[in-house]
Amino acid sequence: MSEKNNKYGVLLVNLGTPDEASPAAVRRFLSEFLHDQRVVDMTRWLWCPILHGVILPVRSPKVAKLYQSVWMEEGSPLMVYSRRQQQRLADMLNVPVELGMTYGNPSIESGLDSLKQQGCSKVLVLPLYPQYSRTTTAAVFDKVAKVLRSQAEIPELRFVNHYFEHPQYIAALAESVTDFWDTHGKSDYLLCSYHGIPKRYADNGDPYPLHCNGTTALLAEKLGIPREQMSMSYQSIFGREEWLKPYTEQTIVELAKKGVKRLDVMCPAFSVDCLETLEEIAEQCKETFIEAGGEQFNLIPCLNDNPAHIEMMAQIVRQYSQNW
């Protein structure tokens, strides 16, 4: 095999985003997302009528308006920051780096095809989810396997399962906090808000809450913050089923009632700012905090394409691609 066809490439994967902030585009995206049994494991004959008859018609216009409130000139924030990550990582490593989304565009299939066309016979799949969950990381694995199932020749694969405790990830999070405090002053309290999952998933073996707890503990240690000034919670709760607790919105209300006047919130499970951080946290949760008696509420931005974040990704790639 020639050297040209014996090189490796990197596939960065994130959740995905609608192509545009319109009800039709949001409906297409949500339909693909909520059809995945990794995300919603309800029996199909029961779930599909609810999804298509109630959830998509009702939620799509509402969610489209939320996307419109955070849409950037270049497009969806998640896509804009993900593209920047892709480019900066490729520049740093000097290897092919492609972007794929579990749902929507660009697809995982298009990313794998592009790497193949560039002569990559080896692919490192890096899901940008620090904390493993069946709803995110495992869904990426499923999509990769589905794409390769029909191909006569598949690449040699390596797959990053998680990096919730990676020293450079913790250091990058800590640096983002201290840089924010250097500019804006230190808060009374720091809350780490993670995307929620149904509690039942964790009860059945999903290690996600253990990973979230691990990240929070390591970050508190790195920052030297007493745990009475820092905690964690779960956001983006959906449906009537019990999800992991404590819930972010309830936690914010309780903190305000306890006398916390300035609250800073960060979202360590999100590698880039998106609807869940820019609208749900920075807008909805801020309003909740002020109404409950708080005075100042700040969202500490996600790591996005910060140099420390890109260097962390590069280190993970170097680690996993040894002897390639």
C-alpha atoms as a PDB file:
ATOM      1  CA  MET A   1       0.000   0.000   0.000  1.00  0.00           C
ATOM      2  CA  SER A   2       1.400   3.381  -0.934  1.00  0.00           C
ATOM      3  CA  GLU A   3       2.132   5.996   1.690  1.00  0.00           C
ATOM      4  CA  LYS A   4      -0.639   8.135   0.182  1.00  0.00           C
ATOM      5  CA  ASN A   5      -3.195   5.433   0.964  1.00  0.00           C
ATOM      6  CA  ASN A   6      -1.731   4.522   4.364  1.00  0.00           C
ATOM      7  CA  LYS A   7      -2.255   7.750   6.233  1.00  0.00           C
ATOM      8  CA  TYR A   8      -4.746   8.517   8.959  1.00  0.00           C
ATOM      9  CA  GLY A   9      -7.409  11.150   9.273  1.00  0.00           C
ATOM     10  CA  VAL A  10      -9.644  12.473  12.020  1.00  0.00           C
ATOM     11  CA  LEU A  11     -13.427  12.617  12.063  1.00  0.00           C
ATOM     12  CA  LEU A  12     -14.728  15.153  14.571  1.00  0.00           C
ATOM     13  CA  VAL A  13     -18.357  14.451  15.463  1.00  0.00           C
ATOM     14  CA  ASN A  14     -20.939  16.580  17.230  1.00  0.00           C
ATOM     15  CA  LEU A  15     -24.693  16.256  17.615  1.00  0.00           C
ATOM     16  CA  GLY A  16     -25.822  18.447  14.751  1.00  0.00           C
ATOM     17  CA  THR A  17     -28.012  21.447  14.051  1.00  0.00           C
ATOM     18  CA  PRO A  18     -30.762  22.511  11.640  1.00  0.00           C
ATOM     19  CA  ASP A  19     -29.565  23.836   8.271  1.00  0.00           C
ATOM     20  CA  GLU A  20     -31.475  27.043   8.880  1.00  0.00           C
ATOM     21  CA  ALA A  21     -33.589  28.630  11.598  1.00  0.00           C
ATOM     22  CA  SER A  22     -36.913  27.777   9.988  1.00  0.00           C
ATOM     23  CA  PRO A  23     -39.731  25.528  11.243  1.00  0.00           C
ATOM     24  CA  ALA A  24     -39.278  23.150   8.290  1.00  0.00           C
ATOM     25  CA  ALA A  25     -35.524  22.756   8.848  1.00  0.00           C
ATOM     26  CA  VAL A  26     -35.991  22.352  12.585  1.00  0.00           C
ATOM     27  CA  ARG A  27     -38.665  19.731  11.999  1.00  0.00           C
ATOM     28  CA  ARG A  28     -36.343  17.704   9.716  1.00  0.00           C
ATOM     29  CA  PHE A  29     -33.563  17.863  12.271  1.00  0.00           C
ATOM     30  CA  LEU A  30     -35.730  16.993  15.282  1.00  0.00           C
ATOM     31  CA  SER A  31     -37.346  14.135  13.387  1.00  0.00           C
ATOM     32  CA  GLU A  32     -33.991  12.479  12.701  1.00  0.00           C
ATOM     33  CA  PHE A  33     -32.736  13.178  16.211  1.00  0.00           C
ATOM     34  CA  LEU A  34     -35.810  11.947  18.068  1.00  0.00           C
ATOM     35  CA  HIS A  35     -36.181   8.843  15.904  1.00  0.00           C
ATOM     36  CA  ASP A  36     -32.873   7.504  17.230  1.00  0.00           C
ATOM     37  CA  GLN A  37     -33.565   4.762  19.762  1.00  0.00           C
ATOM     38  CA  ARG A  38     -30.360   5.699  21.577  1.00  0.00           C
ATOM     39  CA  VAL A  39     -32.069   8.995  22.399  1.00  0.00           C
ATOM     40  CA  VAL A  40     -35.675   7.823  22.887  1.00  0.00           C
ATOM     41  CA  ASP A  41     -36.022   4.097  23.499  1.00  0.00           C
ATOM     42  CA  MET A  42     -39.826   4.017  23.614  1.00  0.00           C
ATOM     43  CA  THR A  43     -41.547   1.322  21.535  1.00  0.00           C
ATOM     44  CA  ARG A  44     -41.750   2.626  17.952  1.00  0.00           C
ATOM     45  CA  TRP A  45     -45.474   1.984  17.412  1.00  0.00           C
ATOM     46  CA  LEU A  46     -46.184   4.079  20.489  1.00  0.00           C
ATOM     47  CA  TRP A  47     -43.527   6.766  20.025  1.00  0.00           C
ATOM     48  CA  CYS A  48     -43.831   7.576  16.309  1.00  0.00           C
ATOM     49  CA  PRO A  49     -47.481   8.735  16.404  1.00  0.00           C
ATOM     50  CA  ILE A  50     -46.674  10.957  19.398  1.00  0.00           C
ATOM     51  CA  LEU A  51     -43.574  12.331  17.676  1.00  0.00           C
ATOM     52  CA  HIS A  52     -45.216  13.093  14.323  1.00  0.00           C
ATOM     53  CA  GLY A  53     -48.685  13.911  15.601  1.00  0.00           C
ATOM     54  CA  VAL A  54     -47.855  16.105  18.563  1.00  0.00           C
ATOM     55  CA  ILE A  55     -44.197  16.875  19.284  1.00  0.00           C
ATOM     56  CA  LEU A  56     -42.906  17.880  15.851  1.00  0.00           C
ATOM     57  CA  PRO A  57     -45.905  20.049  14.850  1.00  0.00           C
ATOM     58  CA  VAL A  58     -45.934  21.841  18.210  1.00  0.00           C
ATOM     59  CA  ARG A  59     -42.231  22.142  18.982  1.00  0.00           C
ATOM     60  CA  SER A  60     -40.751  22.893  15.557  1.00  0.00           C
ATOM     61  CA  PRO A  61     -42.090  26.485  15.229  1.00  0.00           C
ATOM     62  CA  LYS A  62     -41.187  27.239  18.857  1.00  0.00           C
ATOM     63  CA  VAL A  63     -37.673  25.843  18.562  1.00  0.00           C
ATOM     64  CA  ALA A  64     -37.167  27.680  15.250  1.00  0.00           C
ATOM     65  CA  LYS A  65     -37.822  30.982  17.032  1.00  0.00           C
ATOM     66  CA  LEU A  66     -35.261  30.061  19.678  1.00  0.00           C
ATOM     67  CA  TYR A  67     -32.686  29.296  16.993  1.00  0.00           C
ATOM     68  CA  GLN A  68     -33.433  32.637  15.352  1.00  0.00           C
ATOM     69  CA  SER A  69     -32.521  34.374  18.616  1.00  0.00           C
ATOM     70  CA  VAL A  70     -28.991  32.906  18.651  1.00  0.00           C
ATOM     71  CA  TRP A  71     -28.277  32.479  14.907  1.00  0.00           C
ATOM     72  CA  MET A  72     -24.962  33.986  13.829  1.00  0.00           C
ATOM     73  CA  GLU A  73     -24.162  35.708  10.548  1.00  0.00           C
ATOM     74  CA  GLU A  74     -22.263  32.601   9.400  1.00  0.00           C
ATOM     75  CA  GLY A  75     -24.977  30.199  10.545  1.00  0.00           C
ATOM     76  CA  SER A  76     -25.862  28.081  13.561  1.00  0.00           C
ATOM     77  CA  PRO A  77     -23.445  28.665  16.473  1.00  0.00           C
ATOM     78  CA  LEU A  78     -22.804  24.945  16.829  1.00  0.00           C
ATOM     79  CA  MET A  79     -21.816  24.704  13.169  1.00  0.00           C
ATOM     80  CA  VAL A  80     -19.767  27.904  13.160  1.00  0.00           C
ATOM     81  CA  TYR A  81     -17.662  26.898  16.160  1.00  0.00           C
ATOM     82  CA  SER A  82     -17.374  23.274  15.007  1.00  0.00           C
ATOM     83  CA  ARG A  83     -16.002  24.397  11.638  1.00  0.00           C
ATOM     84  CA  ARG A  84     -13.460  26.572  13.407  1.00  0.00           C
ATOM     85  CA  GLN A  85     -12.421  23.630  15.556  1.00  0.00           C
ATOM     86  CA  GLN A  86     -12.033  21.459  12.460  1.00  0.00           C
ATOM     87  CA  GLN A  87      -9.840  23.993  10.654  1.00  0.00           C
ATOM     88  CA  ARG A  88      -7.626  24.825  13.620  1.00  0.00           C
ATOM     89  CA  LEU A  89      -7.105  21.193  14.527  1.00  0.00           C
ATOM     90  CA  ALA A  90      -6.179  20.363  10.922  1.00  0.00           C
ATOM     91  CA  ASP A  91      -3.702  23.246  10.880  1.00  0.00           C
ATOM     92  CA  MET A  92      -2.147  22.133  14.157  1.00  0.00           C
ATOM     93  CA  LEU A  93      -1.845  18.437  13.241  1.00  0.00           C
ATOM     94  CA  ASN A  94      -1.255  18.775   9.502  1.00  0.00           C
ATOM     95  CA  VAL A  95      -3.482  15.751   8.840  1.00  0.00           C
ATOM     96  CA  PRO A  96      -6.932  15.539   7.215  1.00  0.00           C
ATOM     97  CA  VAL A  97      -9.678  16.500   9.673  1.00  0.00           C
ATOM     98  CA  GLU A  98     -13.318  16.254   8.655  1.00  0.00           C
ATOM     99  CA  LEU A  99     -16.504  17.186  10.478  1.00  0.00           C
ATOM    100  CA  GLY A 100     -19.550  14.950  10.745  1.00  0.00           C
ATOM    101  CA  MET A 101     -22.823  15.377  12.613  1.00  0.00           C
ATOM    102  CA  THR A 102     -24.802  12.516  14.105  1.00  0.00           C
ATOM    103  CA  TYR A 103     -27.956  14.210  12.802  1.00  0.00           C
ATOM    104  CA  GLY A 104     -28.224  16.637   9.903  1.00  0.00           C
ATOM    105  CA  ASN A 105     -25.404  18.025   7.786  1.00  0.00           C
ATOM    106  CA  PRO A 106     -22.551  17.485   7.207  1.00  0.00           C
ATOM    107  CA  SER A 107     -23.260  13.826   7.823  1.00  0.00           C
ATOM    108  CA  ILE A 108     -20.922  11.260   9.296  1.00  0.00           C
ATOM    109  CA  GLU A 109     -21.113   9.493   5.920  1.00  0.00           C
ATOM    110  CA  SER A 110     -19.871  12.571   4.054  1.00  0.00           C
ATOM    111  CA  GLY A 111     -17.026  12.984   6.541  1.00  0.00           C
ATOM    112  CA  LEU A 112     -15.891   9.378   6.161  1.00  0.00           C
ATOM    113  CA  ASP A 113     -16.187   9.607   2.361  1.00  0.00           C
ATOM    114  CA  SER A 114     -14.045  12.738   2.304  1.00  0.00           C
ATOM    115  CA  LEU A 115     -11.332  11.096   4.395  1.00  0.00           C
ATOM    116  CA  LYS A 116     -11.376   8.088   2.051  1.00  0.00           C
ATOM    117  CA  GLN A 117     -11.016  10.350  -0.978  1.00  0.00           C
ATOM    118  CA  GLN A 118      -7.996  11.944   0.690  1.00  0.00           C
ATOM    119  CA  GLY A 119      -6.326   8.556   0.935  1.00  0.00           C
ATOM    120  CA  CYS A 120      -6.969   7.860   4.611  1.00  0.00           C
ATOM    121  CA  SER A 121      -7.036   4.119   5.293  1.00  0.00           C
ATOM    122  CA  LYS A 122      -7.101   4.782   9.038  1.00  0.00           C
ATOM    123  CA  VAL A 123      -9.648   6.956  10.819  1.00  0.00           C
ATOM    124  CA  LEU A 124      -9.760   8.209  14.370  1.00  0.00           C
ATOM    125  CA  VAL A 125     -13.332   9.074  15.375  1.00  0.00           C
ATOM    126  CA  LEU A 126     -13.409  11.796  18.023  1.00  0.00           C
ATOM    127  CA  PRO A 127     -16.928  12.435  19.363  1.00  0.00           C
ATOM    128  CA  LEU A 128     -16.860  15.837  21.029  1.00  0.00           C
ATOM    129  CA  TYR A 129     -18.618  14.588  24.152  1.00  0.00           C
ATOM    130  CA  PRO A 130     -16.233  14.604  27.139  1.00  0.00           C
ATOM    131  CA  GLN A 131     -18.634  12.522  29.224  1.00  0.00           C
ATOM    132  CA  TYR A 132     -19.810   9.269  27.631  1.00  0.00           C
ATOM    133  CA  SER A 133     -23.522   8.607  27.247  1.00  0.00           C
ATOM    134  CA  ARG A 134     -25.539   6.110  25.245  1.00  0.00           C
ATOM    135  CA  THR A 135     -27.511   9.101  23.937  1.00  0.00           C
ATOM    136  CA  THR A 136     -24.470  10.816  22.416  1.00  0.00           C
ATOM    137  CA  THR A 137     -21.219   8.855  22.144  1.00  0.00           C
ATOM    138  CA  ALA A 138     -22.878   5.496  21.491  1.00  0.00           C
ATOM    139  CA  ALA A 139     -25.131   7.106  18.885  1.00  0.00           C
ATOM    140  CA  VAL A 140     -21.994   8.211  17.013  1.00  0.00           C
ATOM    141  CA  PHE A 141     -20.648   4.654  17.055  1.00  0.00           C
ATOM    142  CA  ASP A 142     -23.969   3.372  15.700  1.00  0.00           C
ATOM    143  CA  LYS A 143     -23.925   5.857  12.813  1.00  0.00           C
ATOM    144  CA  VAL A 144     -20.316   5.065  11.901  1.00  0.00           C
ATOM    145  CA  ALA A 145     -21.085   1.336  11.903  1.00  0.00           C
ATOM    146  CA  LYS A 146     -24.215   1.862   9.788  1.00  0.00           C
ATOM    147  CA  VAL A 147     -22.288   3.866   7.195  1.00  0.00           C
ATOM    148  CA  LEU A 148     -19.499   1.277   6.918  1.00  0.00           C
ATOM    149  CA  ARG A 149     -21.837  -1.713   6.889  1.00  0.00           C
ATOM    150  CA  SER A 150     -22.433  -1.449   3.146  1.00  0.00           C
ATOM    151  CA  GLN A 151     -18.820  -0.755   2.134  1.00  0.00           C
ATOM    152  CA  ALA A 152     -16.607  -3.457   0.671  1.00  0.00           C
ATOM    153  CA  GLU A 153     -13.470  -2.100   2.328  1.00  0.00           C
ATOM    154  CA  ILE A 154     -13.614  -0.281   5.636  1.00  0.00           C
ATOM    155  CA  PRO A 155     -10.849   1.811   7.209  1.00  0.00           C
ATOM    156  CA  GLU A 156      -8.958   0.817  10.297  1.00  0.00           C
ATOM    157  CA  LEU A 157     -10.864   2.551  13.080  1.00  0.00           C
ATOM    158  CA  ARG A 158     -10.049   3.922  16.488  1.00  0.00           C
ATOM    159  CA  PHE A 159     -12.763   5.510  18.604  1.00  0.00           C
ATOM    160  CA  VAL A 160     -12.442   7.933  21.521  1.00  0.00           C
ATOM    161  CA  ASN A 161     -14.947   6.803  24.141  1.00  0.00           C
ATOM    162  CA  HIS A 162     -14.648   9.797  26.507  1.00  0.00           C
ATOM    163  CA  TYR A 163     -12.206  12.337  27.922  1.00  0.00           C
ATOM    164  CA  PHE A 164     -14.041  13.660  30.996  1.00  0.00           C
ATOM    165  CA  GLU A 165     -10.956  13.364  33.196  1.00  0.00           C
ATOM    166  CA  HIS A 166      -8.253  14.217  30.663  1.00  0.00           C
ATOM    167  CA  PRO A 167      -5.789  16.595  32.389  1.00  0.00           C
ATOM    168  CA  GLN A 168      -5.736  19.029  29.460  1.00  0.00           C
ATOM    169  CA  TYR A 169      -9.526  19.086  29.290  1.00  0.00           C
ATOM    170  CA  ILE A 170      -9.743  19.937  32.995  1.00  0.00           C
ATOM    171  CA  ALA A 171      -6.970  22.514  32.586  1.00  0.00           C
ATOM    172  CA  ALA A 172      -8.763  24.119  29.621  1.00  0.00           C
ATOM    173  CA  LEU A 173     -12.011  24.343  31.608  1.00  0.00           C
ATOM    174  CA  ALA A 174     -10.192  25.868  34.570  1.00  0.00           C
ATOM    175  CA  GLU A 175      -8.424  28.364  32.337  1.00  0.00           C
ATOM    176  CA  SER A 176     -11.732  29.435  30.805  1.00  0.00           C
ATOM    177  CA  VAL A 177     -13.098  30.133  34.297  1.00  0.00           C
ATOM    178  CA  THR A 178     -10.079  32.054  35.556  1.00  0.00           C
ATOM    179  CA  ASP A 179      -9.865  34.079  32.334  1.00  0.00           C
ATOM    180  CA  PHE A 180     -13.540  34.984  32.699  1.00  0.00           C
ATOM    181  CA  TRP A 181     -13.044  35.997  36.324  1.00  0.00           C
ATOM    182  CA  ASP A 182      -9.956  38.042  35.465  1.00  0.00           C
ATOM    183  CA  THR A 183     -12.127  40.067  33.091  1.00  0.00           C
ATOM    184  CA  HIS A 184     -15.468  40.167  34.913  1.00  0.00           C
ATOM    185  CA  GLY A 185     -14.598  39.543  38.559  1.00  0.00           C
ATOM    186  CA  LYS A 186     -15.193  36.407  40.602  1.00  0.00           C
ATOM    187  CA  SER A 187     -18.732  35.218  41.264  1.00  0.00           C
ATOM    188  CA  ASP A 188     -20.352  34.126  44.526  1.00  0.00           C
ATOM    189  CA  TYR A 189     -21.014  30.689  43.096  1.00  0.00           C
ATOM    190  CA  LEU A 190     -20.050  28.519  40.105  1.00  0.00           C
ATOM    191  CA  LEU A 191     -22.590  26.061  38.702  1.00  0.00           C
ATOM    192  CA  CYS A 192     -21.664  23.358  36.197  1.00  0.00           C
ATOM    193  CA  SER A 193     -24.744  22.565  34.117  1.00  0.00           C
ATOM    194  CA  TYR A 194     -24.679  19.327  32.121  1.00  0.00           C
ATOM    195  CA  HIS A 195     -27.170  18.131  29.527  1.00  0.00           C
ATOM    196  CA  GLY A 196     -29.611  15.764  31.205  1.00  0.00           C
ATOM    197  CA  ILE A 197     -30.602  12.203  30.365  1.00  0.00           C
ATOM    198  CA  PRO A 198     -33.465  10.082  31.731  1.00  0.00           C
ATOM    199  CA  LYS A 199     -32.557   8.665  35.135  1.00  0.00           C
ATOM    200  CA  ARG A 200     -33.609   5.242  33.887  1.00  0.00           C
ATOM    201  CA  TYR A 201     -30.712   5.229  31.426  1.00  0.00           C
ATOM    202  CA  ALA A 202     -28.234   5.695  34.261  1.00  0.00           C
ATOM    203  CA  ASP A 203     -29.994   3.063  36.353  1.00  0.00           C
ATOM    204  CA  ASN A 204     -29.503   0.676  33.423  1.00  0.00           C
ATOM    205  CA  GLY A 205     -25.766   1.251  33.213  1.00  0.00           C
ATOM    206  CA  ASP A 206     -25.101   4.536  31.415  1.00  0.00           C
ATOM    207  CA  PRO A 207     -22.000   5.975  33.200  1.00  0.00           C
ATOM    208  CA  TYR A 208     -22.823   9.560  32.223  1.00  0.00           C
ATOM    209  CA  PRO A 209     -23.586  10.907  35.737  1.00  0.00           C
ATOM    210  CA  LEU A 210     -20.389   9.330  37.077  1.00  0.00           C
ATOM    211  CA  HIS A 211     -18.425  11.095  34.352  1.00  0.00           C
ATOM    212  CA  CYS A 212     -20.156  14.412  35.075  1.00  0.00           C
ATOM    213  CA  ASN A 213     -19.406  14.060  38.774  1.00  0.00           C
ATOM    214  CA  GLY A 214     -15.805  13.252  37.918  1.00  0.00           C
ATOM    215  CA  THR A 215     -15.351  16.323  35.742  1.00  0.00           C
ATOM    216  CA  THR A 216     -16.908  18.592  38.368  1.00  0.00           C
ATOM    217  CA  ALA A 217     -14.746  17.235  41.181  1.00  0.00           C
ATOM    218  CA  LEU A 218     -11.545  17.548  39.152  1.00  0.00           C
ATOM    219  CA  LEU A 219     -12.447  21.081  38.069  1.00  0.00           C
ATOM    220  CA  ALA A 220     -13.182  22.148  41.653  1.00  0.00           C
ATOM    221  CA  GLU A 221      -9.823  20.731  42.718  1.00  0.00           C
ATOM    222  CA  LYS A 222      -8.020  22.475  39.848  1.00  0.00           C
ATOM    223  CA  LEU A 223      -9.660  25.816  40.666  1.00  0.00           C
ATOM    224  CA  GLY A 224      -9.237  25.384  44.412  1.00  0.00           C
ATOM    225  CA  ILE A 225     -12.902  26.222  45.006  1.00  0.00           C
ATOM    226  CA  PRO A 226     -14.652  24.967  48.148  1.00  0.00           C
ATOM    227  CA  ARG A 227     -17.510  22.703  47.165  1.00  0.00           C
ATOM    228  CA  GLU A 228     -19.972  24.931  49.066  1.00  0.00           C
ATOM    229  CA  GLN A 229     -19.243  27.540  46.356  1.00  0.00           C
ATOM    230  CA  MET A 230     -19.622  25.170  43.423  1.00  0.00           C
ATOM    231  CA  SER A 231     -21.961  22.372  42.357  1.00  0.00           C
ATOM    232  CA  MET A 232     -23.470  20.695  39.318  1.00  0.00           C
ATOM    233  CA  SER A 233     -26.914  20.196  37.804  1.00  0.00           C
ATOM    234  CA  TYR A 234     -28.671  18.905  34.684  1.00  0.00           C
ATOM    235  CA  GLN A 235     -30.477  20.941  32.046  1.00  0.00           C
ATOM    236  CA  SER A 236     -32.580  20.421  28.895  1.00  0.00           C
ATOM    237  CA  ILE A 237     -35.155  18.204  30.562  1.00  0.00           C
ATOM    238  CA  PHE A 238     -37.773  16.835  28.166  1.00  0.00           C
ATOM    239  CA  GLY A 239     -41.036  14.967  28.784  1.00  0.00           C
ATOM    240  CA  ARG A 240     -42.630  13.719  31.983  1.00  0.00           C
ATOM    241  CA  GLU A 241     -40.143  10.976  32.856  1.00  0.00           C
ATOM    242  CA  GLU A 242     -37.722  11.587  35.734  1.00  0.00           C
ATOM    243  CA  TRP A 243     -34.310  12.734  34.536  1.00  0.00           C
ATOM    244  CA  LEU A 244     -31.023  13.052  36.374  1.00  0.00           C
ATOM    245  CA  LYS A 245     -31.210  15.514  39.256  1.00  0.00           C
ATOM    246  CA  PRO A 246     -30.744  18.171  40.457  1.00  0.00           C
ATOM    247  CA  TYR A 247     -32.356  20.102  37.633  1.00  0.00           C
ATOM    248  CA  THR A 248     -30.570  23.305  36.611  1.00  0.00           C
ATOM    249  CA  GLU A 249     -33.573  25.628  36.759  1.00  0.00           C
ATOM    250  CA  GLN A 250     -34.577  24.466  40.242  1.00  0.00           C
ATOM    251  CA  THR A 251     -30.978  24.731  41.426  1.00  0.00           C
ATOM    252  CA  ILE A 252     -30.730  28.303  40.186  1.00  0.00           C
ATOM    253  CA  VAL A 253     -33.894  29.287  42.043  1.00  0.00           C
ATOM    254  CA  GLU A 254     -32.644  27.655  45.241  1.00  0.00           C
ATOM    255  CA  LEU A 255     -29.276  29.419  45.005  1.00  0.00           C
ATOM    256  CA  ALA A 256     -30.960  32.801  44.580  1.00  0.00           C
ATOM    257  CA  LYS A 257     -33.200  32.141  47.570  1.00  0.00           C
ATOM    258  CA  LYS A 258     -30.145  31.194  49.653  1.00  0.00           C
ATOM    259  CA  GLY A 259     -28.660  34.625  49.011  1.00  0.00           C
ATOM    260  CA  VAL A 260     -26.357  34.045  46.042  1.00  0.00           C
ATOM    261  CA  LYS A 261     -26.301  37.409  44.254  1.00  0.00           C
ATOM    262  CA  ARG A 262     -23.872  36.700  41.437  1.00  0.00           C
ATOM    263  CA  LEU A 263     -24.001  33.318  39.720  1.00  0.00           C
ATOM    264  CA  ASP A 264     -21.718  32.079  36.969  1.00  0.00           C
ATOM    265  CA  VAL A 265     -22.788  29.024  34.978  1.00  0.00           C
ATOM    266  CA  MET A 266     -20.652  26.912  32.666  1.00  0.00           C
ATOM    267  CA  CYS A 267     -21.598  23.878  30.553  1.00  0.00           C
ATOM    268  CA  PRO A 268     -18.706  21.381  30.536  1.00  0.00           C
ATOM    269  CA  ALA A 269     -20.572  18.712  28.534  1.00  0.00           C
ATOM    270  CA  PHE A 270     -20.857  21.001  25.493  1.00  0.00           C
ATOM    271  CA  SER A 271     -17.719  21.407  23.392  1.00  0.00           C
ATOM    272  CA  VAL A 272     -19.209  24.426  21.601  1.00  0.00           C
ATOM    273  CA  ASP A 273     -21.815  27.029  22.410  1.00  0.00           C
ATOM    274  CA  CYS A 274     -25.198  26.165  20.952  1.00  0.00           C
ATOM    275  CA  LEU A 275     -28.925  26.626  21.533  1.00  0.00           C
ATOM    276  CA  GLU A 276     -28.737  24.895  24.929  1.00  0.00           C
ATOM    277  CA  THR A 277     -26.079  27.283  26.228  1.00  0.00           C
ATOM    278  CA  LEU A 278     -26.801  30.546  24.428  1.00  0.00           C
ATOM    279  CA  GLU A 279     -30.577  30.486  24.774  1.00  0.00           C
ATOM    280  CA  GLU A 280     -31.537  28.035  27.520  1.00  0.00           C
ATOM    281  CA  ILE A 281     -28.816  29.064  29.966  1.00  0.00           C
ATOM    282  CA  ALA A 282     -27.828  32.616  28.991  1.00  0.00           C
ATOM    283  CA  GLU A 283     -31.395  33.810  28.436  1.00  0.00           C
ATOM    284  CA  GLN A 284     -33.991  31.572  30.116  1.00  0.00           C
ATOM    285  CA  CYS A 285     -31.974  30.684  33.214  1.00  0.00           C
ATOM    286  CA  LYS A 286     -30.781  34.256  33.628  1.00  0.00           C
ATOM    287  CA  GLU A 287     -34.381  35.428  33.699  1.00  0.00           C
ATOM    288  CA  THR A 288     -35.228  32.713  36.235  1.00  0.00           C
ATOM    289  CA  PHE A 289     -32.326  33.710  38.485  1.00  0.00           C
ATOM    290  CA  ILE A 290     -33.199  37.430  38.456  1.00  0.00           C
ATOM    291  CA  GLU A 291     -36.879  36.718  39.134  1.00  0.00           C
ATOM    292  CA  ALA A 292     -35.871  34.554  42.121  1.00  0.00           C
ATOM    293  CA  GLY A 293     -33.881  37.396  43.700  1.00  0.00           C
ATOM    294  CA  GLY A 294     -30.453  37.093  42.109  1.00  0.00           C
ATOM    295  CA  GLU A 295     -28.694  40.172  40.790  1.00  0.00           C
ATOM    296  CA  GLN A 296     -26.049  39.132  38.254  1.00  0.00           C
ATOM    297  CA  PHE A 297     -25.978  36.039  36.066  1.00  0.00           C
ATOM    298  CA  ASN A 298     -23.231  35.105  33.616  1.00  0.00           C
ATOM    299  CA  LEU A 299     -22.686  32.265  31.164  1.00  0.00           C
ATOM    300  CA  ILE A 300     -19.027  31.312  30.928  1.00  0.00           C
ATOM    301  CA  PRO A 301     -18.625  30.416  27.238  1.00  0.00           C
ATOM    302  CA  CYS A 302     -17.873  26.876  26.135  1.00  0.00           C
ATOM    303  CA  LEU A 303     -14.326  26.032  25.134  1.00  0.00           C
ATOM    304  CA  ASN A 304     -15.233  26.423  21.441  1.00  0.00           C
ATOM    305  CA  ASP A 305     -12.058  27.016  19.408  1.00  0.00           C
ATOM    306  CA  ASN A 306      -9.947  28.324  22.298  1.00  0.00           C
ATOM    307  CA  PRO A 307      -6.252  27.448  21.799  1.00  0.00           C
ATOM    308  CA  ALA A 308      -6.167  25.313  24.965  1.00  0.00           C
ATOM    309  CA  HIS A 309      -9.159  23.325  23.700  1.00  0.00           C
ATOM    310  CA  ILE A 310      -7.632  22.716  20.269  1.00  0.00           C
ATOM    311  CA  GLU A 311      -4.340  21.671  21.864  1.00  0.00           C
ATOM    312  CA  MET A 312      -6.263  19.218  24.056  1.00  0.00           C
ATOM    313  CA  MET A 313      -7.902  17.702  20.968  1.00  0.00           C
ATOM    314  CA  ALA A 314      -4.512  17.473  19.274  1.00  0.00           C
ATOM    315  CA  GLN A 315      -3.083  15.686  22.289  1.00  0.00           C
ATOM    316  CA  ILE A 316      -5.930  13.165  22.264  1.00  0.00           C
ATOM    317  CA  VAL A 317      -5.383  12.556  18.545  1.00  0.00           C
ATOM    318  CA  ARG A 318      -1.645  12.077  19.059  1.00  0.00           C
ATOM    319  CA  GLN A 319      -2.316   9.674  21.907  1.00  0.00           C
ATOM    320  CA  TYR A 320      -4.836   7.550  19.998  1.00  0.00           C
ATOM    321  CA  SER A 321      -2.947   7.574  16.690  1.00  0.00           C
ATOM    322  CA  GLN A 322       0.341   6.227  18.051  1.00  0.00           C
ATOM    323  CA  ASN A 323       2.000   3.699  15.726  1.00  0.00           C
ATOM    324  CA  TRP A 324      -0.176   4.761  12.823  1.00  0.00           C
END
